[in-house]
């Protein structure tokens, strides 16, 4: 395992990351609840929304694994790309980190 998936200076706000993942989990459950009932109209919008939520949840898992120095996917380049893209959005505020 490579422990330098994220730069050493990366200071991630873990409670905010966990909250984002929890919010996605709730959205996924709500969408699944809608999709499990009898379909009275086309459900393609709900299906696409579910896939977007699952994709976002996977990316948050990739970031969390990267913080632990682990790979979430076999495609390590993809893990590095996702971590580099998401990490700045979850960095702690400068005054909170000081």
Protein backbone atom coordinates (compact mmCIF):
# COMPACT_ATOMS: atom_id res chain seq x y z
CA UNK A 1 0.00 0.00 0.00
CA UNK A 2 1.14 3.50 -0.80
CA UNK A 3 0.72 5.88 2.12
CA UNK A 4 1.16 9.03 0.04
CA UNK A 5 -2.08 8.99 -1.92
CA UNK A 6 -2.82 12.49 -0.61
CA UNK A 7 -0.25 15.22 0.04
CA UNK A 8 1.02 15.32 3.61
CA UNK A 9 -0.26 18.89 3.97
CA UNK A 10 -3.85 17.81 3.33
CA UNK A 11 -5.96 18.52 6.40
CA UNK A 12 -9.40 17.02 5.80
CA UNK A 13 -12.43 17.87 7.91
CA UNK A 14 -13.51 14.30 8.76
CA UNK A 15 -16.81 15.20 10.46
CA UNK A 16 -17.87 17.10 7.33
CA UNK A 17 -16.80 14.18 5.13
CA UNK A 18 -18.80 11.76 7.29
CA UNK A 19 -21.81 14.09 7.21
CA UNK A 20 -21.66 14.29 3.42
CA UNK A 21 -21.57 10.50 3.18
CA UNK A 22 -24.48 10.17 5.63
CA UNK A 23 -26.54 12.67 3.63
CA UNK A 24 -25.87 10.67 0.46
CA UNK A 25 -26.87 7.46 2.23
CA UNK A 26 -30.21 9.03 3.17
CA UNK A 27 -30.77 10.20 -0.42
CA UNK A 28 -29.98 6.72 -1.72
CA UNK A 29 -32.43 5.13 0.70
CA UNK A 30 -35.16 7.61 -0.24
CA UNK A 31 -34.65 6.99 -3.96
CA UNK A 32 -34.66 3.21 -3.46
CA UNK A 33 -37.89 3.50 -1.51
CA UNK A 34 -39.49 5.34 -4.46
CA UNK A 35 -38.15 2.84 -6.99
CA UNK A 36 -39.38 -0.22 -5.06
CA UNK A 37 -43.07 0.63 -5.36
CA UNK A 38 -45.24 0.01 -8.40
CA UNK A 39 -44.22 2.32 -11.19
CA UNK A 40 -47.10 4.54 -12.23
CA UNK A 41 -44.97 6.75 -14.48
CA UNK A 42 -41.53 6.60 -16.14
CA UNK A 43 -38.84 6.44 -13.45
CA UNK A 44 -35.77 7.27 -15.50
CA UNK A 45 -35.13 10.51 -13.58
CA UNK A 46 -35.15 8.67 -10.26
CA UNK A 47 -32.91 5.92 -11.66
CA UNK A 48 -30.38 8.46 -12.91
CA UNK A 49 -30.49 10.32 -9.59
CA UNK A 50 -29.81 7.04 -7.76
CA UNK A 51 -26.80 6.32 -9.97
CA UNK A 52 -25.45 9.85 -9.41
CA UNK A 53 -25.81 9.44 -5.63
CA UNK A 54 -24.10 6.04 -5.68
CA UNK A 55 -21.27 7.44 -7.79
CA UNK A 56 -20.81 10.36 -5.39
CA UNK A 57 -20.86 7.99 -2.38
CA UNK A 58 -18.19 5.83 -4.01
CA UNK A 59 -16.03 8.89 -4.59
CA UNK A 60 -16.33 9.86 -0.92
CA UNK A 61 -15.26 6.30 0.00
CA UNK A 62 -12.28 6.67 -2.34
CA UNK A 63 -11.28 9.88 -0.53
CA UNK A 64 -11.67 8.25 2.90
CA UNK A 65 -9.58 5.27 1.82
CA UNK A 66 -6.97 7.66 0.46
CA UNK A 67 -6.78 9.37 3.84
CA UNK A 68 -5.97 5.98 5.35
CA UNK A 69 -3.26 5.35 2.75
CA UNK A 70 -5.33 2.67 1.03
CA UNK A 71 -6.83 2.13 -2.39
CA UNK A 72 -10.59 1.83 -2.73
CA UNK A 73 -10.43 0.70 -6.36
CA UNK A 74 -8.03 -1.48 -8.30
CA UNK A 75 -7.56 1.50 -10.66
CA UNK A 76 -5.04 3.44 -8.57
CA UNK A 77 -4.81 6.30 -11.06
CA UNK A 78 -8.55 6.85 -10.69
CA UNK A 79 -8.22 6.86 -6.90
CA UNK A 80 -5.48 9.49 -7.05
CA UNK A 81 -7.54 11.62 -9.47
CA UNK A 82 -10.65 11.46 -7.29
CA UNK A 83 -8.69 12.26 -4.12
CA UNK A 84 -6.98 15.22 -5.77
CA UNK A 85 -10.34 16.53 -7.00
CA UNK A 86 -12.33 16.08 -3.77
CA UNK A 87 -9.73 16.84 -1.08
CA UNK A 88 -9.76 20.65 -1.52
CA UNK A 89 -13.53 20.71 -0.95
CA UNK A 90 -13.18 18.97 2.42
CA UNK A 91 -10.15 20.82 3.78
CA UNK A 92 -10.51 22.41 7.18
CA UNK A 93 -10.77 26.17 7.33
CA UNK A 94 -7.41 27.85 7.97
CA UNK A 95 -8.55 29.40 11.27
CA UNK A 96 -9.94 26.07 12.53
CA UNK A 97 -6.73 24.22 11.69
CA UNK A 98 -4.54 26.77 13.50
